[in-house]
Amino acid sequence: MLIALFAGFQLFGVIGLALGPILLVIAVSLYQEHVWHDLWNVMMSEGKK
């Protein structure tokens, strides 16, 4: 969480102090639901058709 606060602040300024942790929570939730893996599989299977 501290890294998300720091990275958000560095990338987006003061607004990033709130935006960084929010983006982290969204990214971790998508990872836990295997959305990234499923998206990768869809992108890789499109080229094989």
Protein backbone atom coordinates (compact mmCIF):
# COMPACT_ATOMS: atom_id res chain seq x y z
CA MET A 1 0.00 0.00 0.00
CA LEU A 2 2.87 2.37 0.77
CA ILE A 3 4.38 1.68 -2.64
CA ALA A 4 1.00 2.42 -4.27
CA LEU A 5 0.81 5.71 -2.36
CA PHE A 6 4.33 6.68 -3.41
CA ALA A 7 3.93 5.59 -7.04
CA GLY A 8 0.56 7.34 -7.30
CA PHE A 9 2.05 10.52 -5.90
CA GLN A 10 5.01 10.37 -8.27
CA LEU A 11 2.85 9.70 -11.34
CA PHE A 12 -0.23 11.84 -10.65
CA GLY A 13 0.75 14.29 -7.90
CA VAL A 14 -1.53 14.90 -4.93
CA ILE A 15 -4.50 13.24 -6.63
CA GLY A 16 -2.32 10.14 -7.00
CA LEU A 17 -2.29 9.68 -3.23
CA ALA A 18 -5.87 8.44 -3.56
CA LEU A 19 -5.65 7.16 -7.15
CA GLY A 20 -2.63 4.88 -6.57
CA PRO A 21 -4.22 2.63 -3.93
CA ILE A 22 -7.53 2.55 -5.84
CA LEU A 23 -5.75 1.37 -8.98
CA LEU A 24 -3.84 -1.20 -6.92
CA VAL A 25 -7.06 -2.64 -5.47
CA ILE A 26 -8.62 -2.84 -8.94
CA ALA A 27 -5.54 -4.53 -10.43
CA VAL A 28 -5.30 -7.09 -7.60
CA SER A 29 -9.02 -7.86 -7.84
CA LEU A 30 -8.75 -8.43 -11.59
CA TYR A 31 -5.72 -10.66 -11.02
CA GLN A 32 -7.51 -12.76 -8.40
CA GLU A 33 -10.46 -13.25 -10.75
CA HIS A 34 -8.06 -14.37 -13.53
CA VAL A 35 -9.18 -11.57 -15.84
CA TRP A 36 -5.60 -10.84 -16.94
CA HIS A 37 -5.02 -14.52 -17.77
CA ASP A 38 -8.29 -14.82 -19.69
CA LEU A 39 -7.61 -11.59 -21.58
CA TRP A 40 -4.14 -12.85 -22.52
CA ASN A 41 -5.63 -16.12 -23.79
CA VAL A 42 -8.17 -14.26 -25.92
CA MET A 43 -5.49 -12.02 -27.42
CA MET A 44 -3.23 -14.96 -28.24
CA SER A 45 -6.00 -17.11 -29.74
CA GLU A 46 -7.14 -14.32 -32.12
CA GLY A 47 -3.95 -14.64 -34.13
CA LYS A 48 -4.30 -18.40 -34.59
CA LYS A 49 -7.60 -18.29 -36.49
